[in-house]
PDB file of N, CA and C in Angstrom:
ATOM      1  N   UNK A   1     -97.163 -55.162 -88.818  1.00  0.00           N
ATOM      2  CA  UNK A   1     -97.641 -55.031 -90.002  1.00  0.00           C
ATOM      3  C   UNK A   1     -95.980 -55.215 -91.005  1.00  0.00           C
ATOM      4  N   UNK A   2     -96.012 -55.895 -92.011  1.00  0.00           N
ATOM      5  CA  UNK A   2     -94.561 -56.113 -92.336  1.00  0.00           C
ATOM      6  C   UNK A   2     -94.850 -55.593 -93.975  1.00  0.00           C
ATOM      7  N   UNK A   3     -93.910 -54.573 -94.202  1.00  0.00           N
ATOM      8  CA  UNK A   3     -93.936 -53.924 -95.762  1.00  0.00           C
ATOM      9  C   UNK A   3     -92.582 -54.040 -96.151  1.00  0.00           C
ATOM     10  N   UNK A   4     -93.387 -54.581 -97.627  1.00  0.00           N
ATOM     11  CA  UNK A   4     -91.749 -55.189 -98.026  1.00  0.00           C
ATOM     12  C   UNK A   4     -92.088 -53.907 -99.683  1.00  0.00           C
ATOM     13  N   UNK A   5     -90.697 -53.693-100.103  1.00  0.00           N
ATOM     14  CA  UNK A   5     -90.753 -52.650-101.218  1.00  0.00           C
ATOM     15  C   UNK A   5     -90.720 -51.495-100.944  1.00  0.00           C
ATOM     16  N   UNK A   6     -90.456 -50.913-102.059  1.00  0.00           N
ATOM     17  CA  UNK A   6     -90.234 -49.155-101.639  1.00  0.00           C
ATOM     18  C   UNK A   6     -91.991 -49.015-102.402  1.00  0.00           C
ATOM     19  N   UNK A   7     -92.309 -47.980-101.000  1.00  0.00           N
ATOM     20  CA  UNK A   7     -93.437 -47.440-100.741  1.00  0.00           C
ATOM     21  C   UNK A   7     -93.639 -46.063-101.768  1.00  0.00           C
ATOM     22  N   UNK A   8     -94.445 -45.965-102.520  1.00  0.00           N
ATOM     23  CA  UNK A   8     -94.411 -45.234-103.434  1.00  0.00           C
ATOM     24  C   UNK A   8     -95.998 -44.435-104.048  1.00  0.00           C
ATOM     25  N   UNK A   9     -96.092 -43.450-104.821  1.00  0.00           N
ATOM     26  CA  UNK A   9     -97.499 -43.031-105.324  1.00  0.00           C
ATOM     27  C   UNK A   9     -98.406 -44.233-105.529  1.00  0.00           C
ATOM     28  N   UNK A  10     -98.079 -45.245-106.253  1.00  0.00           N
ATOM     29  CA  UNK A  10     -98.612 -46.248-106.921  1.00  0.00           C
ATOM     30  C   UNK A  10     -98.795 -47.219-105.972  1.00  0.00           C
ATOM     31  N   UNK A  11     -98.476 -47.668-104.670  1.00  0.00           N
ATOM     32  CA  UNK A  11     -98.906 -48.453-103.822  1.00  0.00           C
ATOM     33  C   UNK A  11     -98.986 -48.072-102.260  1.00  0.00           C
ATOM     34  N   UNK A  12     -99.103 -46.693-101.922  1.00  0.00           N
ATOM     35  CA  UNK A  12     -98.969 -46.122-100.832  1.00  0.00           C
ATOM     36  C   UNK A  12    -100.991 -46.283-100.585  1.00  0.00           C
ATOM     37  N   UNK A  13    -101.668 -46.425-101.501  1.00  0.00           N
ATOM     38  CA  UNK A  13    -103.379 -46.552-101.024  1.00  0.00           C
ATOM     39  C   UNK A  13    -103.326 -47.972-100.679  1.00  0.00           C
ATOM     40  N   UNK A  14    -102.730 -48.900-101.108  1.00  0.00           N
ATOM     41  CA  UNK A  14    -102.761 -50.260-100.109  1.00  0.00           C
ATOM     42  C   UNK A  14    -102.235 -50.286 -99.302  1.00  0.00           C
ATOM     43  N   UNK A  15    -101.071 -49.495 -98.760  1.00  0.00           N
ATOM     44  CA  UNK A  15    -100.540 -49.432 -97.346  1.00  0.00           C
ATOM     45  C   UNK A  15    -101.846 -48.749 -96.580  1.00  0.00           C
ATOM     46  N   UNK A  16    -102.135 -47.475 -96.831  1.00  0.00           N
ATOM     47  CA  UNK A  16    -103.192 -46.896 -96.040  1.00  0.00           C
ATOM     48  C   UNK A  16    -104.510 -47.401 -95.948  1.00  0.00           C
ATOM     49  N   UNK A  17    -105.116 -48.284 -96.989  1.00  0.00           N
ATOM     50  CA  UNK A  17    -106.235 -48.925 -96.854  1.00  0.00           C
ATOM     51  C   UNK A  17    -105.639 -50.458 -95.205  1.00  0.00           C
ATOM     52  N   UNK A  18    -104.507 -50.755 -95.510  1.00  0.00           N
ATOM     53  CA  UNK A  18    -103.987 -51.555 -94.430  1.00  0.00           C
ATOM     54  C   UNK A  18    -104.028 -51.273 -93.162  1.00  0.00           C
ATOM     55  N   UNK A  19    -103.400 -50.248 -92.614  1.00  0.00           N
ATOM     56  CA  UNK A  19    -103.562 -49.284 -91.810  1.00  0.00           C
ATOM     57  C   UNK A  19    -104.564 -49.110 -91.167  1.00  0.00           C
ATOM     58  N   UNK A  20    -105.668 -48.489 -92.277  1.00  0.00           N
ATOM     59  CA  UNK A  20    -107.132 -48.134 -91.775  1.00  0.00           C
ATOM     60  C   UNK A  20    -107.976 -49.396 -91.664  1.00  0.00           C
ATOM     61  N   UNK A  21    -107.671 -50.731 -91.996  1.00  0.00           N
ATOM     62  CA  UNK A  21    -108.660 -51.791 -91.470  1.00  0.00           C
ATOM     63  C   UNK A  21    -107.687 -52.380 -90.475  1.00  0.00           C
ATOM     64  N   UNK A  22    -106.408 -52.130 -90.206  1.00  0.00           N
ATOM     65  CA  UNK A  22    -106.103 -52.520 -88.349  1.00  0.00           C
ATOM     66  C   UNK A  22    -106.291 -51.797 -87.255  1.00  0.00           C
ATOM     67  N   UNK A  23    -106.429 -50.435 -87.483  1.00  0.00           N
ATOM     68  CA  UNK A  23    -107.221 -49.994 -86.811  1.00  0.00           C
ATOM     69  C   UNK A  23    -108.551 -49.355 -86.591  1.00  0.00           C
ATOM     70  N   UNK A  24    -109.631 -49.211 -87.752  1.00  0.00           N
ATOM     71  CA  UNK A  24    -110.805 -49.078 -87.498  1.00  0.00           C
ATOM     72  C   UNK A  24    -111.680 -50.382 -87.535  1.00  0.00           C
ATOM     73  N   UNK A  25    -111.295 -51.156 -88.374  1.00  0.00           N
ATOM     74  CA  UNK A  25    -112.265 -52.587 -88.938  1.00  0.00           C
ATOM     75  C   UNK A  25    -111.525 -53.476 -87.208  1.00  0.00           C
ATOM     76  N   UNK A  26    -110.044 -53.753 -87.294  1.00  0.00           N
ATOM     77  CA  UNK A  26    -109.809 -55.032 -86.147  1.00  0.00           C
ATOM     78  C   UNK A  26    -109.919 -54.581 -84.950  1.00  0.00           C
ATOM     79  N   UNK A  27    -110.068 -52.741 -85.140  1.00  0.00           N
ATOM     80  CA  UNK A  27    -109.500 -52.298 -83.655  1.00  0.00           C
ATOM     81  C   UNK A  27    -108.431 -52.253 -82.835  1.00  0.00           C
ATOM     82  N   UNK A  28    -107.130 -52.682 -83.731  1.00  0.00           N
ATOM     83  CA  UNK A  28    -106.062 -53.066 -82.919  1.00  0.00           C
ATOM     84  C   UNK A  28    -105.617 -52.095 -82.393  1.00  0.00           C
ATOM     85  N   UNK A  29    -105.258 -52.121 -80.636  1.00  0.00           N
ATOM     86  CA  UNK A  29    -105.247 -51.298 -79.685  1.00  0.00           C
ATOM     87  C   UNK A  29    -103.461 -51.368 -80.057  1.00  0.00           C
ATOM     88  N   UNK A  30    -102.644 -51.375 -80.981  1.00  0.00           N
ATOM     89  CA  UNK A  30    -101.383 -51.139 -80.910  1.00  0.00           C
ATOM     90  C   UNK A  30    -101.037 -51.800 -82.337  1.00  0.00           C
ATOM     91  N   UNK A  31    -100.358 -50.607 -83.457  1.00  0.00           N
ATOM     92  CA  UNK A  31    -100.034 -50.954 -84.637  1.00  0.00           C
ATOM     93  C   UNK A  31     -98.311 -50.737 -84.805  1.00  0.00           C
ATOM     94  N   UNK A  32     -98.099 -52.054 -84.797  1.00  0.00           N
ATOM     95  CA  UNK A  32     -96.341 -51.789 -84.967  1.00  0.00           C
ATOM     96  C   UNK A  32     -95.655 -51.913 -86.589  1.00  0.00           C
ATOM     97  N   UNK A  33     -95.376 -50.802 -87.442  1.00  0.00           N
ATOM     98  CA  UNK A  33     -95.142 -51.290 -88.895  1.00  0.00           C
ATOM     99  C   UNK A  33     -93.621 -51.353 -88.763  1.00  0.00           C
ATOM    100  N   UNK A  34     -93.448 -52.745 -89.655  1.00  0.00           N
ATOM    101  CA  UNK A  34     -92.010 -53.093 -89.691  1.00  0.00           C
ATOM    102  C   UNK A  34     -91.492 -52.583 -91.302  1.00  0.00           C
ATOM    103  N   UNK A  35     -90.824 -51.407 -91.568  1.00  0.00           N
ATOM    104  CA  UNK A  35     -90.276 -50.835 -92.779  1.00  0.00           C
ATOM    105  C   UNK A  35     -88.913 -51.430 -92.791  1.00  0.00           C
ATOM    106  N   UNK A  36     -88.400 -52.763 -92.393  1.00  0.00           N
ATOM    107  CA  UNK A  36     -86.980 -53.326 -92.250  1.00  0.00           C
ATOM    108  C   UNK A  36     -87.015 -53.627 -94.054  1.00  0.00           C
ATOM    109  N   UNK A  37     -87.724 -54.115 -94.953  1.00  0.00           N
ATOM    110  CA  UNK A  37     -87.420 -54.065 -96.134  1.00  0.00           C
ATOM    111  C   UNK A  37     -87.894 -52.796 -96.969  1.00  0.00           C
ATOM    112  N   UNK A  38     -88.296 -51.813 -96.560  1.00  0.00           N
ATOM    113  CA  UNK A  38     -88.237 -50.703 -97.606  1.00  0.00           C
ATOM    114  C   UNK A  38     -87.230 -49.823 -97.489  1.00  0.00           C
ATOM    115  N   UNK A  39     -86.697 -49.734 -98.605  1.00  0.00           N
ATOM    116  CA  UNK A  39     -85.771 -49.006 -99.138  1.00  0.00           C
ATOM    117  C   UNK A  39     -85.691 -47.825 -99.521  1.00  0.00           C
ATOM    118  N   UNK A  40     -86.865 -47.379-100.064  1.00  0.00           N
ATOM    119  CA  UNK A  40     -87.457 -46.337-100.517  1.00  0.00           C
ATOM    120  C   UNK A  40     -89.197 -45.754-100.218  1.00  0.00           C
ATOM    121  N   UNK A  41     -89.330 -44.667 -99.680  1.00  0.00           N
ATOM    122  CA  UNK A  41     -90.525 -44.133 -99.741  1.00  0.00           C
ATOM    123  C   UNK A  41     -90.762 -42.635-100.017  1.00  0.00           C
ATOM    124  N   UNK A  42     -91.617 -42.499-100.888  1.00  0.00           N
ATOM    125  CA  UNK A  42     -91.867 -41.115-101.343  1.00  0.00           C
ATOM    126  C   UNK A  42     -93.002 -40.309-100.522  1.00  0.00           C
ATOM    127  N   UNK A  43     -93.207 -38.979-101.029  1.00  0.00           N
ATOM    128  CA  UNK A  43     -94.263 -38.266-100.231  1.00  0.00           C
ATOM    129  C   UNK A  43     -95.634 -39.038-100.006  1.00  0.00           C
ATOM    130  N   UNK A  44     -96.268 -39.897-100.993  1.00  0.00           N
ATOM    131  CA  UNK A  44     -97.575 -40.204-100.958  1.00  0.00           C
ATOM    132  C   UNK A  44     -97.203 -41.223-100.040  1.00  0.00           C
ATOM    133  N   UNK A  45     -96.190 -41.691 -99.683  1.00  0.00           N
ATOM    134  CA  UNK A  45     -95.648 -43.478 -98.608  1.00  0.00           C
ATOM    135  C   UNK A  45     -95.865 -42.702 -97.354  1.00  0.00           C
ATOM    136  N   UNK A  46     -94.989 -41.751 -97.291  1.00  0.00           N
ATOM    137  CA  UNK A  46     -95.095 -40.606 -95.971  1.00  0.00           C
ATOM    138  C   UNK A  46     -96.344 -40.495 -95.459  1.00  0.00           C
ATOM    139  N   UNK A  47     -97.392 -39.734 -96.262  1.00  0.00           N
ATOM    140  CA  UNK A  47     -98.561 -39.246 -96.085  1.00  0.00           C
ATOM    141  C   UNK A  47     -99.480 -40.311 -95.885  1.00  0.00           C
ATOM    142  N   UNK A  48     -99.614 -41.838 -96.169  1.00  0.00           N
ATOM    143  CA  UNK A  48     -99.897 -42.868 -95.569  1.00  0.00           C
ATOM    144  C   UNK A  48     -99.786 -43.398 -94.062  1.00  0.00           C
ATOM    145  N   UNK A  49     -98.420 -43.000 -93.757  1.00  0.00           N
ATOM    146  CA  UNK A  49     -97.927 -43.352 -92.393  1.00  0.00           C
ATOM    147  C   UNK A  49     -98.581 -42.049 -91.657  1.00  0.00           C
ATOM    148  N   UNK A  50     -98.281 -40.959 -91.930  1.00  0.00           N
ATOM    149  CA  UNK A  50     -99.021 -39.933 -91.044  1.00  0.00           C
ATOM    150  C   UNK A  50    -100.480 -39.977 -90.997  1.00  0.00           C
ATOM    151  N   UNK A  51    -101.228 -40.476 -91.929  1.00  0.00           N
ATOM    152  CA  UNK A  51    -102.485 -41.056 -92.124  1.00  0.00           C
ATOM    153  C   UNK A  51    -103.028 -41.768 -90.660  1.00  0.00           C
ATOM    154  N   UNK A  52    -102.108 -43.196 -91.136  1.00  0.00           N
ATOM    155  CA  UNK A  52    -102.424 -44.146 -89.767  1.00  0.00           C
ATOM    156  C   UNK A  52    -101.836 -43.297 -88.512  1.00  0.00           C
ATOM    157  N   UNK A  53    -100.974 -42.714 -88.017  1.00  0.00           N
ATOM    158  CA  UNK A  53    -100.361 -42.055 -86.933  1.00  0.00           C
ATOM    159  C   UNK A  53    -101.725 -41.344 -86.441  1.00  0.00           C
ATOM    160  N   UNK A  54    -101.946 -40.347 -87.558  1.00  0.00           N
ATOM    161  CA  UNK A  54    -103.470 -39.760 -86.856  1.00  0.00           C
ATOM    162  C   UNK A  54    -104.752 -40.721 -86.720  1.00  0.00           C
ATOM    163  N   UNK A  55    -105.258 -41.255 -87.377  1.00  0.00           N
ATOM    164  CA  UNK A  55    -106.129 -42.183 -86.894  1.00  0.00           C
ATOM    165  C   UNK A  55    -105.973 -43.081 -85.710  1.00  0.00           C
ATOM    166  N   UNK A  56    -104.701 -43.268 -85.800  1.00  0.00           N
ATOM    167  CA  UNK A  56    -104.534 -44.490 -84.328  1.00  0.00           C
ATOM    168  C   UNK A  56    -104.286 -43.501 -83.255  1.00  0.00           C
ATOM    169  N   UNK A  57    -104.094 -41.778 -83.736  1.00  0.00           N
ATOM    170  CA  UNK A  57    -104.292 -41.238 -82.055  1.00  0.00           C
ATOM    171  C   UNK A  57    -106.163 -40.393 -81.979  1.00  0.00           C
ATOM    172  N   UNK A  58    -106.489 -40.872 -83.101  1.00  0.00           N
ATOM    173  CA  UNK A  58    -108.163 -40.478 -82.763  1.00  0.00           C
ATOM    174  C   UNK A  58    -108.667 -41.244 -82.222  1.00  0.00           C
ATOM    175  N   UNK A  59    -108.368 -43.037 -82.244  1.00  0.00           N
ATOM    176  CA  UNK A  59    -108.826 -44.109 -81.568  1.00  0.00           C
ATOM    177  C   UNK A  59    -108.238 -44.852 -80.352  1.00  0.00           C
ATOM    178  N   UNK A  60    -107.182 -43.719 -80.171  1.00  0.00           N
ATOM    179  CA  UNK A  60    -106.326 -44.169 -78.813  1.00  0.00           C
ATOM    180  C   UNK A  60    -105.803 -45.223 -78.606  1.00  0.00           C
ATOM    181  N   UNK A  61    -105.134 -45.901 -80.025  1.00  0.00           N
ATOM    182  CA  UNK A  61    -104.396 -46.895 -80.213  1.00  0.00           C
ATOM    183  C   UNK A  61    -102.726 -46.293 -80.116  1.00  0.00           C
ATOM    184  N   UNK A  62    -101.725 -47.468 -80.444  1.00  0.00           N
ATOM    185  CA  UNK A  62    -100.420 -47.042 -79.888  1.00  0.00           C
ATOM    186  C   UNK A  62     -99.880 -47.554 -81.722  1.00  0.00           C
ATOM    187  N   UNK A  63     -99.008 -46.542 -81.962  1.00  0.00           N
ATOM    188  CA  UNK A  63     -98.715 -46.485 -83.590  1.00  0.00           C
ATOM    189  C   UNK A  63     -97.093 -46.561 -83.350  1.00  0.00           C
ATOM    190  N   UNK A  64     -96.783 -47.324 -84.111  1.00  0.00           N
ATOM    191  CA  UNK A  64     -95.078 -47.134 -84.084  1.00  0.00           C
ATOM    192  C   UNK A  64     -94.196 -47.920 -85.281  1.00  0.00           C
ATOM    193  N   UNK A  65     -93.059 -46.953 -85.703  1.00  0.00           N
ATOM    194  CA  UNK A  65     -92.468 -47.760 -86.711  1.00  0.00           C
ATOM    195  C   UNK A  65     -90.802 -48.324 -86.261  1.00  0.00           C
ATOM    196  N   UNK A  66     -90.460 -49.374 -87.053  1.00  0.00           N
ATOM    197  CA  UNK A  66     -89.621 -49.658 -86.544  1.00  0.00           C
ATOM    198  C   UNK A  66     -88.641 -50.392 -88.166  1.00  0.00           C
ATOM    199  N   UNK A  67     -87.579 -50.501 -87.569  1.00  0.00           N
ATOM    200  CA  UNK A  67     -86.567 -51.195 -89.149  1.00  0.00           C
ATOM    201  C   UNK A  67     -86.197 -49.874 -90.110  1.00  0.00           C
ATOM    202  N   UNK A  68     -86.309 -48.721 -90.084  1.00  0.00           N
ATOM    203  CA  UNK A  68     -85.989 -47.715 -91.135  1.00  0.00           C
ATOM    204  C   UNK A  68     -84.557 -47.960 -91.878  1.00  0.00           C
ATOM    205  N   UNK A  69     -84.470 -48.185 -92.845  1.00  0.00           N
ATOM    206  CA  UNK A  69     -83.423 -48.026 -93.748  1.00  0.00           C
ATOM    207  C   UNK A  69     -82.966 -46.772 -93.584  1.00  0.00           C
ATOM    208  N   UNK A  70     -81.952 -46.697 -94.212  1.00  0.00           N
ATOM    209  CA  UNK A  70     -81.455 -44.869 -94.664  1.00  0.00           C
ATOM    210  C   UNK A  70     -81.814 -44.352 -94.848  1.00  0.00           C
ATOM    211  N   UNK A  71     -82.514 -44.584 -96.309  1.00  0.00           N
ATOM    212  CA  UNK A  71     -83.330 -43.595 -97.378  1.00  0.00           C
ATOM    213  C   UNK A  71     -84.713 -43.234 -96.302  1.00  0.00           C
ATOM    214  N   UNK A  72     -85.466 -44.311 -96.471  1.00  0.00           N
ATOM    215  CA  UNK A  72     -86.466 -44.047 -95.265  1.00  0.00           C
ATOM    216  C   UNK A  72     -86.763 -42.697 -94.388  1.00  0.00           C
ATOM    217  N   UNK A  73     -85.440 -43.411 -93.572  1.00  0.00           N
ATOM    218  CA  UNK A  73     -84.989 -42.321 -92.281  1.00  0.00           C
ATOM    219  C   UNK A  73     -85.056 -41.128 -92.700  1.00  0.00           C
ATOM    220  N   UNK A  74     -83.695 -40.627 -94.013  1.00  0.00           N
ATOM    221  CA  UNK A  74     -83.542 -39.354 -94.239  1.00  0.00           C
ATOM    222  C   UNK A  74     -84.683 -38.553 -94.558  1.00  0.00           C
ATOM    223  N   UNK A  75     -85.881 -39.547 -95.312  1.00  0.00           N
ATOM    224  CA  UNK A  75     -86.923 -38.818 -95.608  1.00  0.00           C
ATOM    225  C   UNK A  75     -87.737 -38.099 -94.089  1.00  0.00           C
ATOM    226  N   UNK A  76     -87.581 -39.010 -93.203  1.00  0.00           N
ATOM    227  CA  UNK A  76     -88.334 -38.444 -91.740  1.00  0.00           C
ATOM    228  C   UNK A  76     -88.059 -37.327 -91.239  1.00  0.00           C
ATOM    229  N   UNK A  77     -86.754 -37.577 -91.277  1.00  0.00           N
ATOM    230  CA  UNK A  77     -85.745 -36.593 -90.601  1.00  0.00           C
ATOM    231  C   UNK A  77     -85.848 -34.998 -91.200  1.00  0.00           C
ATOM    232  N   UNK A  78     -85.791 -35.632 -92.538  1.00  0.00           N
ATOM    233  CA  UNK A  78     -85.933 -34.155 -93.341  1.00  0.00           C
ATOM    234  C   UNK A  78     -87.087 -33.604 -92.996  1.00  0.00           C
ATOM    235  N   UNK A  79     -87.851 -34.316 -92.915  1.00  0.00           N
ATOM    236  CA  UNK A  79     -89.586 -33.655 -93.064  1.00  0.00           C
ATOM    237  C   UNK A  79     -89.848 -33.291 -91.374  1.00  0.00           C
ATOM    238  N   UNK A  80     -88.704 -33.711 -90.879  1.00  0.00           N
ATOM    239  CA  UNK A  80     -89.064 -33.760 -89.410  1.00  0.00           C
ATOM    240  C   UNK A  80     -89.878 -34.410 -88.282  1.00  0.00           C
ATOM    241  N   UNK A  81     -90.201 -35.770 -88.887  1.00  0.00           N
ATOM    242  CA  UNK A  81     -91.424 -36.581 -88.803  1.00  0.00           C
ATOM    243  C   UNK A  81     -90.843 -37.741 -87.609  1.00  0.00           C
ATOM    244  N   UNK A  82     -89.308 -37.655 -87.700  1.00  0.00           N
ATOM    245  CA  UNK A  82     -89.016 -38.158 -86.356  1.00  0.00           C
ATOM    246  C   UNK A  82     -88.942 -38.144 -85.082  1.00  0.00           C
ATOM    247  N   UNK A  83     -89.621 -36.698 -84.854  1.00  0.00           N
ATOM    248  CA  UNK A  83     -89.999 -36.112 -83.901  1.00  0.00           C
ATOM    249  C   UNK A  83     -91.461 -36.520 -83.840  1.00  0.00           C
ATOM    250  N   UNK A  84     -92.441 -37.054 -84.861  1.00  0.00           N
ATOM    251  CA  UNK A  84     -93.500 -37.356 -84.668  1.00  0.00           C
ATOM    252  C   UNK A  84     -93.692 -39.009 -84.096  1.00  0.00           C
ATOM    253  N   UNK A  85     -93.568 -39.563 -85.284  1.00  0.00           N
ATOM    254  CA  UNK A  85     -93.407 -40.809 -84.845  1.00  0.00           C
ATOM    255  C   UNK A  85     -92.726 -41.486 -83.702  1.00  0.00           C
ATOM    256  N   UNK A  86     -92.935 -42.483 -83.366  1.00  0.00           N
ATOM    257  CA  UNK A  86     -92.620 -43.547 -82.428  1.00  0.00           C
ATOM    258  C   UNK A  86     -91.281 -44.245 -82.955  1.00  0.00           C
ATOM    259  N   UNK A  87     -90.474 -44.366 -83.117  1.00  0.00           N
ATOM    260  CA  UNK A  87     -89.532 -44.990 -83.954  1.00  0.00           C
ATOM    261  C   UNK A  87     -88.746 -46.134 -83.567  1.00  0.00           C
ATOM    262  N   UNK A  88     -88.689 -46.959 -83.503  1.00  0.00           N
ATOM    263  CA  UNK A  88     -87.586 -48.161 -82.884  1.00  0.00           C
ATOM    264  C   UNK A  88     -86.752 -49.048 -83.812  1.00  0.00           C
ATOM    265  N   UNK A  89     -85.669 -49.115 -83.314  1.00  0.00           N
ATOM    266  CA  UNK A  89     -84.304 -49.822 -84.201  1.00  0.00           C
ATOM    267  C   UNK A  89     -85.007 -51.228 -84.621  1.00  0.00           C
ATOM    268  N   UNK A  90     -85.226 -52.220 -83.576  1.00  0.00           N
ATOM    269  CA  UNK A  90     -85.703 -53.575 -84.055  1.00  0.00           C
ATOM    270  C   UNK A  90     -86.904 -53.796 -83.312  1.00  0.00           C
ATOM    271  N   UNK A  91     -87.270 -54.998 -83.677  1.00  0.00           N
ATOM    272  CA  UNK A  91     -88.393 -55.351 -83.479  1.00  0.00           C
ATOM    273  C   UNK A  91     -89.208 -55.458 -82.008  1.00  0.00           C
ATOM    274  N   UNK A  92     -88.168 -56.412 -81.253  1.00  0.00           N
ATOM    275  CA  UNK A  92     -88.097 -56.526 -79.997  1.00  0.00           C
ATOM    276  C   UNK A  92     -88.512 -55.659 -79.071  1.00  0.00           C
ATOM    277  N   UNK A  93     -87.657 -54.093 -79.626  1.00  0.00           N
ATOM    278  CA  UNK A  93     -87.447 -52.894 -79.127  1.00  0.00           C
ATOM    279  C   UNK A  93     -88.793 -52.267 -79.092  1.00  0.00           C
ATOM    280  N   UNK A  94     -89.510 -52.465 -80.593  1.00  0.00           N
ATOM    281  CA  UNK A  94     -90.656 -51.901 -80.783  1.00  0.00           C
ATOM    282  C   UNK A  94     -91.866 -53.106 -79.700  1.00  0.00           C
ATOM    283  N   UNK A  95     -91.703 -54.072 -79.890  1.00  0.00           N
ATOM    284  CA  UNK A  95     -92.843 -55.050 -79.040  1.00  0.00           C
ATOM    285  C   UNK A  95     -92.694 -54.818 -77.413  1.00  0.00           C
ATOM    286  N   UNK A  96     -91.332 -54.219 -77.053  1.00  0.00           N
ATOM    287  CA  UNK A  96     -91.379 -54.030 -75.563  1.00  0.00           C
ATOM    288  C   UNK A  96     -91.522 -52.533 -75.079  1.00  0.00           C
ATOM    289  N   UNK A  97     -91.630 -51.643 -76.369  1.00  0.00           N
ATOM    290  CA  UNK A  97     -91.778 -50.159 -76.126  1.00  0.00           C
ATOM    291  C   UNK A  97     -93.300 -50.168 -76.018  1.00  0.00           C
TER     292      UNK A  97
END
């Protein structure tokens, strides 16, 4: 799933809805979120990603992120969520992982 632009309180509900659709409705066994084009993510955006991760665990699906820019990576590091999410640097690594 490709995410483009800043992920904030205003558009995080759309991210959440897309993750729920991929996991619950389409029953994807694996969801990989491409954050290459995300330069900023706020707490609402992080909450949407956490919700996607939680849902994937409930449904026994895998969930990974890749392509974190500096600012989003710092947010996940400060909140210690880098230890919770599976994070890859590149798409090929994420697909292989």
